Amino acid sequence: LRSNNPPPRLASHEWRLRIDGRVKRPLTLDLAGLRALPSQTQEVWLECAGNSRRRFDPPGEGNQWDDQAVSNAVFTGVPLRAVLEQVGVDDDAIEVVATGYDAASFQRGLPLEVALSPDVLLAFEMNGEPIPWPNGGPARLIVPRWAGIASVKWPARIELVSTPFQGHFNAERYIMVDADGRTLRTVREMPVKSVIAWPGEGETLRAGPHTVFGYAWSGLGQIDRVDVSTDNRQTWSPAELIRGTGPHAWTRWEYAWNPTARGSTSIAARAVDSSGNVQPGEVPWNKFGYQMNAILTRRVTVQ
């Protein structure tokens, strides 16, 4: 679990969400009021912007994640768009700014056109149960395709603003800063990526049939293909795709491998999405180690 601040001690009956700012009818919702609104359920992957950070050389600033800062779950909640329609967004509003209960300083802005997407949720259930407190319960934002920072946990306020939000988590962090110190862009949708769940790095395998498997996702399209190499990236073959439910679920991939030659080799996976984005062999270094999506290789030994 990843949070920028310690989780708040907040009972479900204490939670309130204020929606105000550039709106016609400010509104305060409690959990019962949120649950009373029409809801929808969708399977969604969420990836921390700094997932796989330690694969940069040198590693970027921040928690030194391997490839585990990503998850896939089924969320139920109310489309944020429906709540914004209730309050009546002013014509000059351009962003929504969510403030968390965890700290008044934790604020993250989201473009209004994204907030109005039908799949952005104020979620109150995860995998059919109330969202656990460490995961952002009793309610949290879910913004599919974007880095996890956009899916604000424990929201206390959603403010509509008429000027670009320049808070810490929009202007000083979650930005791409290159080796020359230039700010290139903000972190938004996560790039196409696949990871290998098995085998692990350095494993020793017996000769004979195996199923190599992992997961793939993209914030820029649907997973169209995952190719696997078992010969140090000399040749590639397509894996079988096992899709989740809906457009925002990650895709499990499996590859039948029957090694007969003994010795060391490497296994690699490369994803391609429906927009034509191909997982790259290398990713340019950035100061904070965000959006590392280079092809992952596992070295193994066959005995």
C-alpha atoms as a PDB file:
ATOM      1  CA  LEU A   1       0.000   0.000   0.000  1.00  0.00           C
ATOM      2  CA  ARG A   2       1.231   3.480  -0.883  1.00  0.00           C
ATOM      3  CA  SER A   3       0.139   6.787   0.622  1.00  0.00           C
ATOM      4  CA  ASN A   4       1.938  10.133   0.738  1.00  0.00           C
ATOM      5  CA  ASN A   5       0.825  10.673   4.363  1.00  0.00           C
ATOM      6  CA  PRO A   6      -0.159   8.414   7.260  1.00  0.00           C
ATOM      7  CA  PRO A   7      -3.784   7.264   6.885  1.00  0.00           C
ATOM      8  CA  PRO A   8      -6.286   9.305   8.904  1.00  0.00           C
ATOM      9  CA  ARG A   9      -8.158   7.773  11.822  1.00  0.00           C
ATOM     10  CA  LEU A  10     -11.600   8.194  10.327  1.00  0.00           C
ATOM     11  CA  ALA A  11     -14.720   6.167  11.152  1.00  0.00           C
ATOM     12  CA  SER A  12     -17.207   5.568   8.360  1.00  0.00           C
ATOM     13  CA  HIS A  13     -19.950   7.542  10.114  1.00  0.00           C
ATOM     14  CA  GLU A  14     -17.592  10.530  10.459  1.00  0.00           C
ATOM     15  CA  TRP A  15     -16.732  10.826   6.788  1.00  0.00           C
ATOM     16  CA  ARG A  16     -18.063  13.836   4.924  1.00  0.00           C
ATOM     17  CA  LEU A  17     -17.259  15.104   1.445  1.00  0.00           C
ATOM     18  CA  ARG A  18     -17.747  18.767   0.585  1.00  0.00           C
ATOM     19  CA  ILE A  19     -18.143  19.705  -3.089  1.00  0.00           C
ATOM     20  CA  ASP A  20     -17.833  23.444  -3.625  1.00  0.00           C
ATOM     21  CA  GLY A  21     -15.887  26.178  -5.397  1.00  0.00           C
ATOM     22  CA  ARG A  22     -17.016  27.122  -8.887  1.00  0.00           C
ATOM     23  CA  VAL A  23     -20.421  25.457  -8.540  1.00  0.00           C
ATOM     24  CA  LYS A  24     -23.992  26.679  -8.282  1.00  0.00           C
ATOM     25  CA  ARG A  25     -25.182  24.447  -5.439  1.00  0.00           C
ATOM     26  CA  PRO A  26     -22.452  23.387  -2.962  1.00  0.00           C
ATOM     27  CA  LEU A  27     -23.101  19.972  -1.453  1.00  0.00           C
ATOM     28  CA  THR A  28     -21.944  17.904   1.509  1.00  0.00           C
ATOM     29  CA  LEU A  29     -22.270  14.128   1.265  1.00  0.00           C
ATOM     30  CA  ASP A  30     -21.994  11.537   3.995  1.00  0.00           C
ATOM     31  CA  LEU A  31     -21.424   7.856   3.269  1.00  0.00           C
ATOM     32  CA  ALA A  32     -25.120   6.977   3.404  1.00  0.00           C
ATOM     33  CA  GLY A  33     -25.889   9.796   0.989  1.00  0.00           C
ATOM     34  CA  LEU A  34     -23.180   8.610  -1.380  1.00  0.00           C
ATOM     35  CA  ARG A  35     -24.402   5.007  -1.249  1.00  0.00           C
ATOM     36  CA  ALA A  36     -27.960   6.155  -1.981  1.00  0.00           C
ATOM     37  CA  LEU A  37     -26.945   7.485  -5.402  1.00  0.00           C
ATOM     38  CA  PRO A  38     -26.958   5.286  -8.535  1.00  0.00           C
ATOM     39  CA  SER A  39     -23.699   3.339  -8.655  1.00  0.00           C
ATOM     40  CA  GLN A  40     -21.689   1.208 -11.046  1.00  0.00           C
ATOM     41  CA  THR A  41     -19.077  -1.520 -10.710  1.00  0.00           C
ATOM     42  CA  GLN A  42     -15.879  -1.811 -12.721  1.00  0.00           C
ATOM     43  CA  GLU A  43     -12.601  -3.699 -12.605  1.00  0.00           C
ATOM     44  CA  VAL A  44      -9.655  -1.302 -12.530  1.00  0.00           C
ATOM     45  CA  TRP A  45      -5.882  -1.539 -12.330  1.00  0.00           C
ATOM     46  CA  LEU A  46      -4.051   1.126 -10.338  1.00  0.00           C
ATOM     47  CA  GLU A  47      -0.311   1.718 -10.654  1.00  0.00           C
ATOM     48  CA  CYS A  48       1.841   4.027  -8.571  1.00  0.00           C
ATOM     49  CA  ALA A  49       3.686   6.537 -10.752  1.00  0.00           C
ATOM     50  CA  GLY A  50       6.946   5.357  -9.135  1.00  0.00           C
ATOM     51  CA  ASN A  51       6.394   1.638  -9.705  1.00  0.00           C
ATOM     52  CA  SER A  52       9.642  -0.041 -10.854  1.00  0.00           C
ATOM     53  CA  ARG A  53      11.608   3.072  -9.872  1.00  0.00           C
ATOM     54  CA  ARG A  54      14.671   1.125  -8.792  1.00  0.00           C
ATOM     55  CA  ARG A  55      15.188  -0.043 -12.367  1.00  0.00           C
ATOM     56  CA  PHE A  56      16.420   3.432 -13.326  1.00  0.00           C
ATOM     57  CA  ASP A  57      20.204   3.897 -13.241  1.00  0.00           C
ATOM     58  CA  PRO A  58      20.749   5.660 -10.967  1.00  0.00           C
ATOM     59  CA  PRO A  59      17.400   5.104  -9.229  1.00  0.00           C
ATOM     60  CA  GLY A  60      15.104   8.132  -9.089  1.00  0.00           C
ATOM     61  CA  GLU A  61      14.183   9.894  -5.855  1.00  0.00           C
ATOM     62  CA  GLY A  62      11.521   8.204  -3.739  1.00  0.00           C
ATOM     63  CA  ASN A  63      10.556   4.737  -2.488  1.00  0.00           C
ATOM     64  CA  GLN A  64      12.636   2.144  -4.296  1.00  0.00           C
ATOM     65  CA  TRP A  65       9.840   0.014  -5.721  1.00  0.00           C
ATOM     66  CA  ASP A  66      10.480  -3.114  -7.721  1.00  0.00           C
ATOM     67  CA  ASP A  67       7.480  -3.978  -9.905  1.00  0.00           C
ATOM     68  CA  GLN A  68       4.867  -4.643  -7.203  1.00  0.00           C
ATOM     69  CA  ALA A  69       3.318  -1.171  -6.817  1.00  0.00           C
ATOM     70  CA  VAL A  70       0.353  -2.059  -9.019  1.00  0.00           C
ATOM     71  CA  SER A  71      -2.933  -3.800  -8.295  1.00  0.00           C
ATOM     72  CA  ASN A  72      -6.201  -4.810  -9.915  1.00  0.00           C
ATOM     73  CA  ALA A  73      -9.539  -4.770  -8.092  1.00  0.00           C
ATOM     74  CA  VAL A  74     -13.284  -4.450  -8.610  1.00  0.00           C
ATOM     75  CA  PHE A  75     -14.611  -1.099  -7.396  1.00  0.00           C
ATOM     76  CA  THR A  76     -18.197  -0.003  -6.873  1.00  0.00           C
ATOM     77  CA  GLY A  77     -19.084   3.646  -6.599  1.00  0.00           C
ATOM     78  CA  VAL A  78     -20.909   6.666  -7.894  1.00  0.00           C
ATOM     79  CA  PRO A  79     -19.667   8.337 -11.078  1.00  0.00           C
ATOM     80  CA  LEU A  80     -18.129  11.644 -10.068  1.00  0.00           C
ATOM     81  CA  ARG A  81     -19.880  13.143 -13.079  1.00  0.00           C
ATOM     82  CA  ALA A  82     -23.275  12.478 -11.467  1.00  0.00           C
ATOM     83  CA  VAL A  83     -22.269  14.386  -8.330  1.00  0.00           C
ATOM     84  CA  LEU A  84     -20.879  17.273 -10.375  1.00  0.00           C
ATOM     85  CA  GLU A  85     -24.133  17.432 -12.301  1.00  0.00           C
ATOM     86  CA  GLN A  86     -25.989  17.776  -8.985  1.00  0.00           C
ATOM     87  CA  VAL A  87     -23.931  20.763  -7.881  1.00  0.00           C
ATOM     88  CA  GLY A  88     -24.007  22.502 -11.259  1.00  0.00           C
ATOM     89  CA  VAL A  89     -20.479  23.259 -12.462  1.00  0.00           C
ATOM     90  CA  ASP A  90     -19.855  26.892 -13.407  1.00  0.00           C
ATOM     91  CA  ASP A  91     -18.883  27.607 -17.001  1.00  0.00           C
ATOM     92  CA  ASP A  92     -15.441  28.912 -16.027  1.00  0.00           C
ATOM     93  CA  ALA A  93     -14.396  25.799 -14.032  1.00  0.00           C
ATOM     94  CA  ILE A  94     -11.467  23.916 -15.588  1.00  0.00           C
ATOM     95  CA  GLU A  95     -10.213  21.555 -12.845  1.00  0.00           C
ATOM     96  CA  VAL A  96     -11.368  19.664  -9.785  1.00  0.00           C
ATOM     97  CA  VAL A  97      -9.044  19.708  -6.780  1.00  0.00           C
ATOM     98  CA  ALA A  98      -9.393  16.871  -4.282  1.00  0.00           C
ATOM     99  CA  THR A  99      -8.145  17.377  -0.710  1.00  0.00           C
ATOM    100  CA  GLY A 100      -7.571  14.315   1.480  1.00  0.00           C
ATOM    101  CA  TYR A 101      -8.409  13.816   5.134  1.00  0.00           C
ATOM    102  CA  ASP A 102      -4.858  12.538   5.602  1.00  0.00           C
ATOM    103  CA  ALA A 103      -3.435  16.079   5.393  1.00  0.00           C
ATOM    104  CA  ALA A 104      -4.770  19.480   4.405  1.00  0.00           C
ATOM    105  CA  SER A 105      -1.653  19.825   2.299  1.00  0.00           C
ATOM    106  CA  PHE A 106      -2.505  16.750   0.231  1.00  0.00           C
ATOM    107  CA  GLN A 107      -4.275  18.116  -2.815  1.00  0.00           C
ATOM    108  CA  ARG A 108      -4.312  16.879  -6.360  1.00  0.00           C
ATOM    109  CA  GLY A 109      -5.884  18.600  -9.358  1.00  0.00           C
ATOM    110  CA  LEU A 110      -7.612  16.769 -12.196  1.00  0.00           C
ATOM    111  CA  PRO A 111      -8.778  18.310 -15.480  1.00  0.00           C
ATOM    112  CA  LEU A 112     -12.536  18.784 -15.505  1.00  0.00           C
ATOM    113  CA  GLU A 113     -12.942  16.866 -18.750  1.00  0.00           C
ATOM    114  CA  VAL A 114     -11.324  13.840 -17.089  1.00  0.00           C
ATOM    115  CA  ALA A 115     -13.429  14.199 -13.924  1.00  0.00           C
ATOM    116  CA  LEU A 116     -16.527  14.143 -16.133  1.00  0.00           C
ATOM    117  CA  SER A 117     -15.574  10.819 -17.709  1.00  0.00           C
ATOM    118  CA  PRO A 118     -18.262   8.237 -16.901  1.00  0.00           C
ATOM    119  CA  ASP A 119     -15.729   5.804 -15.431  1.00  0.00           C
ATOM    120  CA  VAL A 120     -14.251   8.136 -12.770  1.00  0.00           C
ATOM    121  CA  LEU A 121     -15.779   7.008  -9.484  1.00  0.00           C
ATOM    122  CA  LEU A 122     -16.332   8.045  -5.908  1.00  0.00           C
ATOM    123  CA  ALA A 123     -15.908   4.442  -4.820  1.00  0.00           C
ATOM    124  CA  PHE A 124     -17.142   2.901  -1.562  1.00  0.00           C
ATOM    125  CA  GLU A 125     -16.625  -0.838  -2.202  1.00  0.00           C
ATOM    126  CA  MET A 126     -13.625  -2.889  -3.296  1.00  0.00           C
ATOM    127  CA  ASN A 127     -14.066  -6.519  -4.331  1.00  0.00           C
ATOM    128  CA  GLY A 128     -17.617  -6.500  -2.988  1.00  0.00           C
ATOM    129  CA  GLU A 129     -16.726  -5.256   0.498  1.00  0.00           C
ATOM    130  CA  PRO A 130     -16.441  -1.797   2.072  1.00  0.00           C
ATOM    131  CA  ILE A 131     -13.125  -0.278   1.050  1.00  0.00           C
ATOM    132  CA  PRO A 132     -10.638  -1.019   3.859  1.00  0.00           C
ATOM    133  CA  TRP A 133      -9.303   1.974   5.715  1.00  0.00           C
ATOM    134  CA  PRO A 134      -5.671   1.575   4.478  1.00  0.00           C
ATOM    135  CA  ASN A 135      -6.947   1.394   0.891  1.00  0.00           C
ATOM    136  CA  GLY A 136      -8.722   4.735   1.151  1.00  0.00           C
ATOM    137  CA  GLY A 137     -12.004   3.785   2.805  1.00  0.00           C
ATOM    138  CA  PRO A 138     -14.685   4.553   3.520  1.00  0.00           C
ATOM    139  CA  ALA A 139     -14.619   6.297   0.128  1.00  0.00           C
ATOM    140  CA  ARG A 140     -12.014   7.284  -2.427  1.00  0.00           C
ATOM    141  CA  LEU A 141     -11.612   8.517  -5.964  1.00  0.00           C
ATOM    142  CA  ILE A 142     -10.894   6.009  -8.713  1.00  0.00           C
ATOM    143  CA  VAL A 143      -9.456   7.502 -11.900  1.00  0.00           C
ATOM    144  CA  PRO A 144      -8.793   4.706 -14.405  1.00  0.00           C
ATOM    145  CA  ARG A 145      -5.746   4.822 -16.655  1.00  0.00           C
ATOM    146  CA  TRP A 146      -4.016   7.589 -14.679  1.00  0.00           C
ATOM    147  CA  ALA A 147      -1.181   7.220 -12.166  1.00  0.00           C
ATOM    148  CA  GLY A 148      -2.441   6.224  -8.719  1.00  0.00           C
ATOM    149  CA  ILE A 149      -1.859   9.731  -7.324  1.00  0.00           C
ATOM    150  CA  ALA A 150      -5.023  10.853  -9.159  1.00  0.00           C
ATOM    151  CA  SER A 151      -7.178   8.335  -7.269  1.00  0.00           C
ATOM    152  CA  VAL A 152      -7.187  10.361  -4.059  1.00  0.00           C
ATOM    153  CA  LYS A 153      -7.830   8.397  -0.850  1.00  0.00           C
ATOM    154  CA  TRP A 154     -10.068   9.662   1.958  1.00  0.00           C
ATOM    155  CA  PRO A 155     -11.297  12.756   0.054  1.00  0.00           C
ATOM    156  CA  ALA A 156     -12.648  15.488   2.341  1.00  0.00           C
ATOM    157  CA  ARG A 157     -13.265  18.154  -0.273  1.00  0.00           C
ATOM    158  CA  ILE A 158     -13.619  18.448  -4.018  1.00  0.00           C
ATOM    159  CA  GLU A 159     -13.248  22.039  -5.151  1.00  0.00           C
ATOM    160  CA  LEU A 160     -13.976  23.267  -8.654  1.00  0.00           C
ATOM    161  CA  VAL A 161     -11.453  25.923  -9.717  1.00  0.00           C
ATOM    162  CA  SER A 162     -11.177  28.286 -12.667  1.00  0.00           C
ATOM    163  CA  THR A 163      -7.377  28.455 -12.898  1.00  0.00           C
ATOM    164  CA  PRO A 164      -4.766  25.688 -13.302  1.00  0.00           C
ATOM    165  CA  PHE A 165      -3.994  24.145  -9.913  1.00  0.00           C
ATOM    166  CA  GLN A 166      -0.353  24.580  -8.900  1.00  0.00           C
ATOM    167  CA  GLY A 167      -0.203  22.648  -5.631  1.00  0.00           C
ATOM    168  CA  HIS A 168       2.766  20.556  -4.507  1.00  0.00           C
ATOM    169  CA  PHE A 169       1.493  17.275  -5.962  1.00  0.00           C
ATOM    170  CA  ASN A 170       0.802  18.846  -9.344  1.00  0.00           C
ATOM    171  CA  ALA A 171       3.649  21.325  -9.783  1.00  0.00           C
ATOM    172  CA  GLU A 172       6.553  20.052  -7.650  1.00  0.00           C
ATOM    173  CA  ARG A 173       5.999  16.278  -7.608  1.00  0.00           C
ATOM    174  CA  TYR A 174       4.467  13.938 -10.147  1.00  0.00           C
ATOM    175  CA  ILE A 175       6.215  15.850 -12.895  1.00  0.00           C
ATOM    176  CA  MET A 176       8.776  14.517 -15.347  1.00  0.00           C
ATOM    177  CA  VAL A 177      12.126  16.251 -14.800  1.00  0.00           C
ATOM    178  CA  ASP A 178      14.949  15.208 -17.117  1.00  0.00           C
ATOM    179  CA  ALA A 179      18.679  14.892 -16.438  1.00  0.00           C
ATOM    180  CA  ASP A 180      19.172  18.584 -17.286  1.00  0.00           C
ATOM    181  CA  GLY A 181      16.604  19.667 -14.722  1.00  0.00           C
ATOM    182  CA  ARG A 182      13.944  20.573 -17.273  1.00  0.00           C
ATOM    183  CA  THR A 183      10.298  19.909 -16.436  1.00  0.00           C
ATOM    184  CA  LEU A 184       8.904  18.090 -19.450  1.00  0.00           C
ATOM    185  CA  ARG A 185       5.311  17.382 -18.438  1.00  0.00           C
ATOM    186  CA  THR A 186       3.052  16.296 -15.610  1.00  0.00           C
ATOM    187  CA  VAL A 187       2.379  12.628 -14.845  1.00  0.00           C
ATOM    188  CA  ARG A 188      -1.000  11.651 -16.258  1.00  0.00           C
ATOM    189  CA  GLU A 189      -1.921   8.375 -17.978  1.00  0.00           C
ATOM    190  CA  MET A 190       0.402   5.460 -17.314  1.00  0.00           C
ATOM    191  CA  PRO A 191       2.254   4.011 -20.322  1.00  0.00           C
ATOM    192  CA  VAL A 192       1.920   0.524 -21.777  1.00  0.00           C
ATOM    193  CA  LYS A 193       3.639  -2.059 -19.609  1.00  0.00           C
ATOM    194  CA  SER A 194       3.940  -5.759 -18.896  1.00  0.00           C
ATOM    195  CA  VAL A 195       5.587  -7.566 -16.014  1.00  0.00           C
ATOM    196  CA  ILE A 196       6.607 -11.177 -15.470  1.00  0.00           C
ATOM    197  CA  ALA A 197       5.022 -12.754 -12.400  1.00  0.00           C
ATOM    198  CA  TRP A 198       6.719 -16.148 -12.878  1.00  0.00           C
ATOM    199  CA  PRO A 199       9.479 -17.184 -13.029  1.00  0.00           C
ATOM    200  CA  GLY A 200      11.302 -14.882 -10.685  1.00  0.00           C
ATOM    201  CA  GLU A 201      14.744 -13.436 -11.198  1.00  0.00           C
ATOM    202  CA  GLY A 202      17.508 -16.041 -10.861  1.00  0.00           C
ATOM    203  CA  GLU A 203      15.214 -19.061 -10.624  1.00  0.00           C
ATOM    204  CA  THR A 204      16.427 -22.521 -11.572  1.00  0.00           C
ATOM    205  CA  LEU A 205      13.953 -24.499 -13.684  1.00  0.00           C
ATOM    206  CA  ARG A 206      13.890 -28.098 -14.801  1.00  0.00           C
ATOM    207  CA  ALA A 207      13.924 -28.874 -18.509  1.00  0.00           C
ATOM    208  CA  GLY A 208      10.414 -29.540 -19.790  1.00  0.00           C
ATOM    209  CA  PRO A 209       7.105 -27.717 -20.096  1.00  0.00           C
ATOM    210  CA  HIS A 210       6.410 -24.552 -18.098  1.00  0.00           C
ATOM    211  CA  THR A 211       3.866 -21.737 -18.202  1.00  0.00           C
ATOM    212  CA  VAL A 212       5.496 -18.321 -18.004  1.00  0.00           C
ATOM    213  CA  PHE A 213       2.916 -15.722 -16.968  1.00  0.00           C
ATOM    214  CA  GLY A 214       2.450 -12.116 -15.995  1.00  0.00           C
ATOM    215  CA  TYR A 215       0.211  -9.082 -16.412  1.00  0.00           C
ATOM    216  CA  ALA A 216      -0.052  -6.160 -18.808  1.00  0.00           C
ATOM    217  CA  TRP A 217      -1.888  -2.820 -18.824  1.00  0.00           C
ATOM    218  CA  SER A 218      -1.892   0.555 -20.536  1.00  0.00           C
ATOM    219  CA  GLY A 219      -3.399   3.925 -19.759  1.00  0.00           C
ATOM    220  CA  LEU A 220      -3.311   4.789 -23.452  1.00  0.00           C
ATOM    221  CA  GLY A 221      -5.341   1.903 -24.919  1.00  0.00           C
ATOM    222  CA  GLN A 222      -6.300  -1.723 -24.502  1.00  0.00           C
ATOM    223  CA  ILE A 223      -3.669  -4.454 -24.466  1.00  0.00           C
ATOM    224  CA  ASP A 224      -3.516  -5.762 -28.017  1.00  0.00           C
ATOM    225  CA  ARG A 225      -0.602  -8.188 -27.744  1.00  0.00           C
ATOM    226  CA  VAL A 226       2.130  -9.436 -25.427  1.00  0.00           C
ATOM    227  CA  ASP A 227       5.210 -10.984 -27.012  1.00  0.00           C
ATOM    228  CA  VAL A 228       7.620 -13.176 -25.069  1.00  0.00           C
ATOM    229  CA  SER A 229      11.275 -13.947 -25.703  1.00  0.00           C
ATOM    230  CA  THR A 230      13.057 -16.867 -24.063  1.00  0.00           C
ATOM    231  CA  ASP A 231      16.379 -16.463 -25.904  1.00  0.00           C
ATOM    232  CA  ASN A 232      17.821 -13.164 -24.698  1.00  0.00           C
ATOM    233  CA  ARG A 233      15.463 -11.099 -26.924  1.00  0.00           C
ATOM    234  CA  GLN A 234      16.657 -12.675 -30.146  1.00  0.00           C
ATOM    235  CA  THR A 235      13.186 -13.902 -31.159  1.00  0.00           C
ATOM    236  CA  TRP A 236       9.653 -13.122 -29.954  1.00  0.00           C
ATOM    237  CA  SER A 237       6.436 -15.138 -29.874  1.00  0.00           C
ATOM    238  CA  PRO A 238       2.891 -14.093 -28.911  1.00  0.00           C
ATOM    239  CA  ALA A 239       1.503 -15.014 -25.514  1.00  0.00           C
ATOM    240  CA  GLU A 240      -2.080 -16.027 -24.789  1.00  0.00           C
ATOM    241  CA  LEU A 241      -4.133 -13.160 -23.354  1.00  0.00           C
ATOM    242  CA  ILE A 242      -6.682 -13.686 -20.582  1.00  0.00           C
ATOM    243  CA  ARG A 243      -8.656 -10.492 -20.273  1.00  0.00           C
ATOM    244  CA  GLY A 244     -10.369  -9.106 -17.201  1.00  0.00           C
ATOM    245  CA  THR A 245     -13.825  -7.589 -17.056  1.00  0.00           C
ATOM    246  CA  GLY A 246     -14.189  -4.288 -18.866  1.00  0.00           C
ATOM    247  CA  PRO A 247     -11.725  -1.869 -20.453  1.00  0.00           C
ATOM    248  CA  HIS A 248      -9.851  -0.903 -17.273  1.00  0.00           C
ATOM    249  CA  ALA A 249      -8.849  -4.340 -15.986  1.00  0.00           C
ATOM    250  CA  TRP A 250      -5.315  -5.559 -16.438  1.00  0.00           C
ATOM    251  CA  THR A 251      -4.682  -8.489 -18.800  1.00  0.00           C
ATOM    252  CA  ARG A 252      -3.086 -11.715 -17.664  1.00  0.00           C
ATOM    253  CA  TRP A 253      -0.799 -13.279 -20.230  1.00  0.00           C
ATOM    254  CA  GLU A 254       0.533 -16.829 -20.397  1.00  0.00           C
ATOM    255  CA  TYR A 255       3.231 -18.382 -22.523  1.00  0.00           C
ATOM    256  CA  ALA A 256       3.861 -22.118 -22.886  1.00  0.00           C
ATOM    257  CA  TRP A 257       7.595 -22.745 -22.800  1.00  0.00           C
ATOM    258  CA  ASN A 258       9.278 -26.126 -23.153  1.00  0.00           C
ATOM    259  CA  PRO A 259      13.032 -25.578 -22.749  1.00  0.00           C
ATOM    260  CA  THR A 260      15.254 -28.476 -23.671  1.00  0.00           C
ATOM    261  CA  ALA A 261      18.682 -26.815 -23.759  1.00  0.00           C
ATOM    262  CA  ARG A 262      20.281 -26.564 -20.346  1.00  0.00           C
ATOM    263  CA  GLY A 263      22.070 -23.430 -19.198  1.00  0.00           C
ATOM    264  CA  SER A 264      21.352 -19.779 -18.565  1.00  0.00           C
ATOM    265  CA  THR A 265      18.975 -17.651 -20.596  1.00  0.00           C
ATOM    266  CA  SER A 266      16.671 -14.685 -20.110  1.00  0.00           C
ATOM    267  CA  ILE A 267      12.919 -14.315 -20.469  1.00  0.00           C
ATOM    268  CA  ALA A 268      11.429 -10.981 -21.538  1.00  0.00           C
ATOM    269  CA  ALA A 269       7.891  -9.696 -22.124  1.00  0.00           C
ATOM    270  CA  ARG A 270       6.851  -6.813 -24.365  1.00  0.00           C
ATOM    271  CA  ALA A 271       3.312  -5.382 -24.502  1.00  0.00           C
ATOM    272  CA  VAL A 272       1.611  -3.526 -27.355  1.00  0.00           C
ATOM    273  CA  ASP A 273      -1.618  -1.578 -26.903  1.00  0.00           C
ATOM    274  CA  SER A 274      -4.512  -0.776 -29.227  1.00  0.00           C
ATOM    275  CA  SER A 275      -3.163   2.723 -29.876  1.00  0.00           C
ATOM    276  CA  GLY A 276       0.045   1.271 -31.292  1.00  0.00           C
ATOM    277  CA  ASN A 277       2.222   2.007 -28.250  1.00  0.00           C
ATOM    278  CA  VAL A 278       4.992  -0.577 -27.846  1.00  0.00           C
ATOM    279  CA  GLN A 279       6.702  -1.219 -24.532  1.00  0.00           C
ATOM    280  CA  PRO A 280      10.227   0.162 -25.028  1.00  0.00           C
ATOM    281  CA  GLY A 281      13.561  -1.490 -24.422  1.00  0.00           C
ATOM    282  CA  GLU A 282      14.787   1.557 -22.497  1.00  0.00           C
ATOM    283  CA  VAL A 283      13.185   4.571 -20.808  1.00  0.00           C
ATOM    284  CA  PRO A 284      14.916   7.966 -20.453  1.00  0.00           C
ATOM    285  CA  TRP A 285      15.991   8.734 -16.886  1.00  0.00           C
ATOM    286  CA  ASN A 286      13.929  11.217 -14.895  1.00  0.00           C
ATOM    287  CA  LYS A 287      14.625  12.759 -11.495  1.00  0.00           C
ATOM    288  CA  PHE A 288      11.739  11.181  -9.589  1.00  0.00           C
ATOM    289  CA  GLY A 289      11.809   7.809 -11.319  1.00  0.00           C
ATOM    290  CA  TYR A 290       8.281   7.979 -12.669  1.00  0.00           C
ATOM    291  CA  GLN A 291       6.659   5.825 -15.351  1.00  0.00           C
ATOM    292  CA  MET A 292       9.343   3.175 -15.733  1.00  0.00           C
ATOM    293  CA  ASN A 293       7.876   0.832 -18.353  1.00  0.00           C
ATOM    294  CA  ALA A 294      10.952  -0.655 -19.996  1.00  0.00           C
ATOM    295  CA  ILE A 295      10.824  -4.311 -21.037  1.00  0.00           C
ATOM    296  CA  LEU A 296      11.358  -6.524 -17.984  1.00  0.00           C
ATOM    297  CA  THR A 297      13.847  -9.375 -18.232  1.00  0.00           C
ATOM    298  CA  ARG A 298      14.206 -12.351 -15.909  1.00  0.00           C
ATOM    299  CA  ARG A 299      17.434 -14.333 -15.910  1.00  0.00           C
ATOM    300  CA  VAL A 300      16.873 -18.050 -15.323  1.00  0.00           C
ATOM    301  CA  THR A 301      18.840 -21.291 -15.424  1.00  0.00           C
ATOM    302  CA  VAL A 302      17.506 -24.487 -16.980  1.00  0.00           C
ATOM    303  CA  GLN A 303      18.823 -27.747 -15.532  1.00  0.00           C
END
